[in-house]
Amino acid sequence: RMYYASFYAASALLLNEHHNVSTHQGVKQQLGLHFVVTGKLSRDMGKYFSQIFEARHSSDYDDFISTTVEEIDEYYPKAQKFIEAVEGLLKP
């Protein structure tokens, strides 16, 4: 759920800047290109999105994967910060 909250926030940010992306990988790439590389989002935010993207991909496609409470506790505050950063960029 943290991934999808972050994914939809990133998608909204890209759409707000007229970057139409149709895949999860595309959102990750375009977010990096248009927001991380340009400094609009920090490298830490880009790293978080890449990490949670990989975690979601593994949970969907790998045979045996489990998420620990520690991993959730690590990602949750990062997800909140990511969404807050995106909200800041979306506000006029």
Protein backbone atom coordinates (compact mmCIF):
# COMPACT_ATOMS: atom_id res chain seq x y z
CA ARG A 1 0.00 0.00 0.00
CA MET A 2 2.90 2.35 0.68
CA TYR A 3 4.19 1.69 -2.81
CA TYR A 4 0.87 2.45 -4.43
CA ALA A 5 0.40 5.63 -2.38
CA SER A 6 3.85 6.73 -3.54
CA PHE A 7 3.25 5.57 -7.10
CA TYR A 8 0.01 7.53 -7.44
CA ALA A 9 1.62 10.60 -5.88
CA ALA A 10 4.49 10.35 -8.37
CA SER A 11 2.03 9.80 -11.23
CA ALA A 12 0.07 12.91 -10.21
CA LEU A 13 3.28 14.91 -10.12
CA LEU A 14 4.27 13.75 -13.59
CA LEU A 15 0.80 14.40 -15.01
CA ASN A 16 0.78 17.86 -13.43
CA GLU A 17 3.89 18.63 -15.52
CA HIS A 18 2.34 17.04 -18.66
CA HIS A 19 4.48 13.87 -18.59
CA ASN A 20 2.09 11.07 -19.52
CA VAL A 21 3.48 7.71 -18.40
CA SER A 22 1.70 4.36 -18.71
CA THR A 23 3.92 1.89 -16.80
CA HIS A 24 5.34 1.56 -13.30
CA GLN A 25 8.87 1.48 -14.73
CA GLY A 26 8.08 4.59 -16.76
CA VAL A 27 6.94 6.46 -13.66
CA LYS A 28 10.17 5.51 -11.89
CA GLN A 29 12.32 6.60 -14.83
CA GLN A 30 10.47 9.83 -15.53
CA LEU A 31 10.38 10.78 -11.85
CA GLY A 32 14.15 10.44 -11.76
CA LEU A 33 14.66 12.33 -14.99
CA HIS A 34 12.31 15.25 -14.37
CA PHE A 35 12.42 15.63 -10.59
CA VAL A 36 15.45 13.97 -9.01
CA VAL A 37 18.07 14.89 -11.61
CA THR A 38 16.76 18.47 -11.68
CA GLY A 39 16.86 18.73 -7.88
CA LYS A 40 13.12 19.26 -7.44
CA LEU A 41 13.11 16.07 -5.35
CA SER A 42 16.10 14.99 -3.31
CA ARG A 43 18.25 12.01 -4.20
CA ASP A 44 16.98 10.38 -1.00
CA MET A 45 13.42 10.65 -2.33
CA GLY A 46 14.50 9.08 -5.62
CA LYS A 47 16.34 6.32 -3.78
CA TYR A 48 13.28 5.62 -1.60
CA PHE A 49 11.02 5.35 -4.66
CA SER A 50 13.43 2.97 -6.37
CA GLN A 51 13.70 0.81 -3.26
CA ILE A 52 9.97 0.57 -2.70
CA PHE A 53 9.46 -0.04 -6.43
CA GLU A 54 11.82 -3.04 -6.21
CA ALA A 55 10.11 -4.29 -3.03
CA ARG A 56 6.70 -4.15 -4.74
CA HIS A 57 8.07 -5.85 -7.84
CA SER A 58 9.56 -8.66 -5.75
CA SER A 59 6.36 -9.16 -3.77
CA ASP A 60 4.33 -9.39 -6.99
CA TYR A 61 6.62 -11.58 -9.08
CA ASP A 62 9.03 -13.56 -6.90
CA ASP A 63 7.98 -16.99 -5.69
CA PHE A 64 8.59 -16.61 -1.98
CA ILE A 65 8.81 -13.19 -0.36
CA SER A 66 7.83 -11.90 3.02
CA THR A 67 7.96 -8.45 4.50
CA THR A 68 9.12 -7.95 8.05
CA VAL A 69 7.82 -5.47 10.58
CA GLU A 70 11.26 -3.86 10.52
CA GLU A 71 11.01 -3.24 6.77
CA ILE A 72 7.58 -1.70 7.16
CA ASP A 73 8.82 0.46 10.03
CA GLU A 74 11.69 1.61 7.80
CA TYR A 75 9.55 2.43 4.75
CA TYR A 76 6.56 4.05 6.44
CA PRO A 77 8.20 7.36 7.47
CA LYS A 78 9.94 7.53 4.10
CA ALA A 79 6.60 7.10 2.33
CA GLN A 80 5.12 9.91 4.41
CA LYS A 81 8.05 12.21 3.58
CA PHE A 82 7.87 11.33 -0.11
CA ILE A 83 4.16 12.09 -0.32
CA GLU A 84 4.62 15.33 1.61
CA ALA A 85 7.42 16.38 -0.76
CA VAL A 86 5.23 15.63 -3.77
CA GLU A 87 2.34 17.57 -2.24
CA GLY A 88 4.68 20.51 -1.79
CA LEU A 89 5.55 20.43 -5.48
CA LEU A 90 1.89 20.19 -6.50
CA LYS A 91 0.78 23.24 -4.52
CA PRO A 92 0.78 26.50 -6.48
